[in-house]
Amino acid sequence: MSKITLKAQDLDDYLTKEDNNILEEMNKNYQEVMKIFHTCSTNQSVKKREKLYKII
């Protein structure tokens, strides 16, 4: 089986507006989760970490 490697700009003509909206929403969610993980991995209070774990 041959493998094909694409870059994001290669998909520009193939993605619909809806596809791009979904990707944008996924990116927003990813950024938010990364903030939460960062907070959880630092020296925060136990209560604050537990609250964030519930969000995840």
C-alpha atoms as a PDB file:
ATOM      1  CA  MET A   1       0.000   0.000   0.000  1.00  0.00           C
ATOM      2  CA  SER A   2       1.367   3.392  -0.970  1.00  0.00           C
ATOM      3  CA  LYS A   3       1.366   6.214   1.533  1.00  0.00           C
ATOM      4  CA  ILE A   4       0.493   9.782   0.645  1.00  0.00           C
ATOM      5  CA  THR A   5       1.533  12.672   2.859  1.00  0.00           C
ATOM      6  CA  LEU A   6      -0.429  15.881   2.555  1.00  0.00           C
ATOM      7  CA  LYS A   7       0.017  19.270   4.086  1.00  0.00           C
ATOM      8  CA  ALA A   8      -2.909  21.352   5.327  1.00  0.00           C
ATOM      9  CA  GLN A   9      -2.779  23.682   2.333  1.00  0.00           C
ATOM     10  CA  ASP A  10      -3.162  20.668   0.029  1.00  0.00           C
ATOM     11  CA  LEU A  11      -6.711  20.254   1.345  1.00  0.00           C
ATOM     12  CA  ASP A  12      -7.845  23.825   0.667  1.00  0.00           C
ATOM     13  CA  ASP A  13      -9.730  22.997  -2.542  1.00  0.00           C
ATOM     14  CA  TYR A  14     -11.282  19.800  -1.146  1.00  0.00           C
ATOM     15  CA  LEU A  15     -12.724  20.928   2.186  1.00  0.00           C
ATOM     16  CA  THR A  16     -16.188  22.408   2.366  1.00  0.00           C
ATOM     17  CA  LYS A  17     -17.145  25.379   4.509  1.00  0.00           C
ATOM     18  CA  GLU A  18     -18.717  22.923   6.953  1.00  0.00           C
ATOM     19  CA  ASP A  19     -15.464  20.913   7.075  1.00  0.00           C
ATOM     20  CA  ASN A  20     -13.528  24.084   7.869  1.00  0.00           C
ATOM     21  CA  ASN A  21     -16.040  25.031  10.579  1.00  0.00           C
ATOM     22  CA  ILE A  22     -15.642  21.610  12.183  1.00  0.00           C
ATOM     23  CA  LEU A  23     -11.856  21.892  12.059  1.00  0.00           C
ATOM     24  CA  GLU A  24     -11.996  25.356  13.599  1.00  0.00           C
ATOM     25  CA  GLU A  25     -14.203  24.093  16.435  1.00  0.00           C
ATOM     26  CA  MET A  26     -11.882  21.142  17.007  1.00  0.00           C
ATOM     27  CA  ASN A  27      -8.935  23.519  17.191  1.00  0.00           C
ATOM     28  CA  LYS A  28     -10.728  25.691  19.767  1.00  0.00           C
ATOM     29  CA  ASN A  29     -11.498  22.597  21.858  1.00  0.00           C
ATOM     30  CA  TYR A  30      -7.900  21.414  21.595  1.00  0.00           C
ATOM     31  CA  GLN A  31      -6.559  24.791  22.731  1.00  0.00           C
ATOM     32  CA  GLU A  32      -8.928  24.814  25.712  1.00  0.00           C
ATOM     33  CA  VAL A  33      -7.957  21.293  26.759  1.00  0.00           C
ATOM     34  CA  MET A  34      -4.268  22.157  26.482  1.00  0.00           C
ATOM     35  CA  LYS A  35      -4.831  25.081  28.886  1.00  0.00           C
ATOM     36  CA  ILE A  36      -6.566  22.727  31.312  1.00  0.00           C
ATOM     37  CA  PHE A  37      -3.771  20.142  31.098  1.00  0.00           C
ATOM     38  CA  HIS A  38      -1.205  22.847  31.685  1.00  0.00           C
ATOM     39  CA  THR A  39      -3.062  24.045  34.764  1.00  0.00           C
ATOM     40  CA  CYS A  40      -3.412  20.481  36.048  1.00  0.00           C
ATOM     41  CA  SER A  41       0.291  19.807  35.614  1.00  0.00           C
ATOM     42  CA  THR A  42       1.389  22.849  37.610  1.00  0.00           C
ATOM     43  CA  ASN A  43       1.266  23.411  41.350  1.00  0.00           C
ATOM     44  CA  GLN A  44      -2.404  24.303  41.613  1.00  0.00           C
ATOM     45  CA  SER A  45      -4.626  23.596  44.595  1.00  0.00           C
ATOM     46  CA  VAL A  46      -6.163  20.142  44.779  1.00  0.00           C
ATOM     47  CA  LYS A  47      -9.690  21.581  44.575  1.00  0.00           C
ATOM     48  CA  LYS A  48      -8.859  23.501  41.400  1.00  0.00           C
ATOM     49  CA  ARG A  49      -7.313  20.426  39.776  1.00  0.00           C
ATOM     50  CA  GLU A  50     -10.280  18.250  40.714  1.00  0.00           C
ATOM     51  CA  LYS A  51     -12.661  20.813  39.212  1.00  0.00           C
ATOM     52  CA  LEU A  52     -10.676  20.817  35.957  1.00  0.00           C
ATOM     53  CA  TYR A  53     -10.571  17.013  35.824  1.00  0.00           C
ATOM     54  CA  LYS A  54     -14.371  16.984  35.939  1.00  0.00           C
ATOM     55  CA  ILE A  55     -14.437  19.254  32.873  1.00  0.00           C
ATOM     56  CA  ILE A  56     -12.218  16.864  30.960  1.00  0.00           C
END
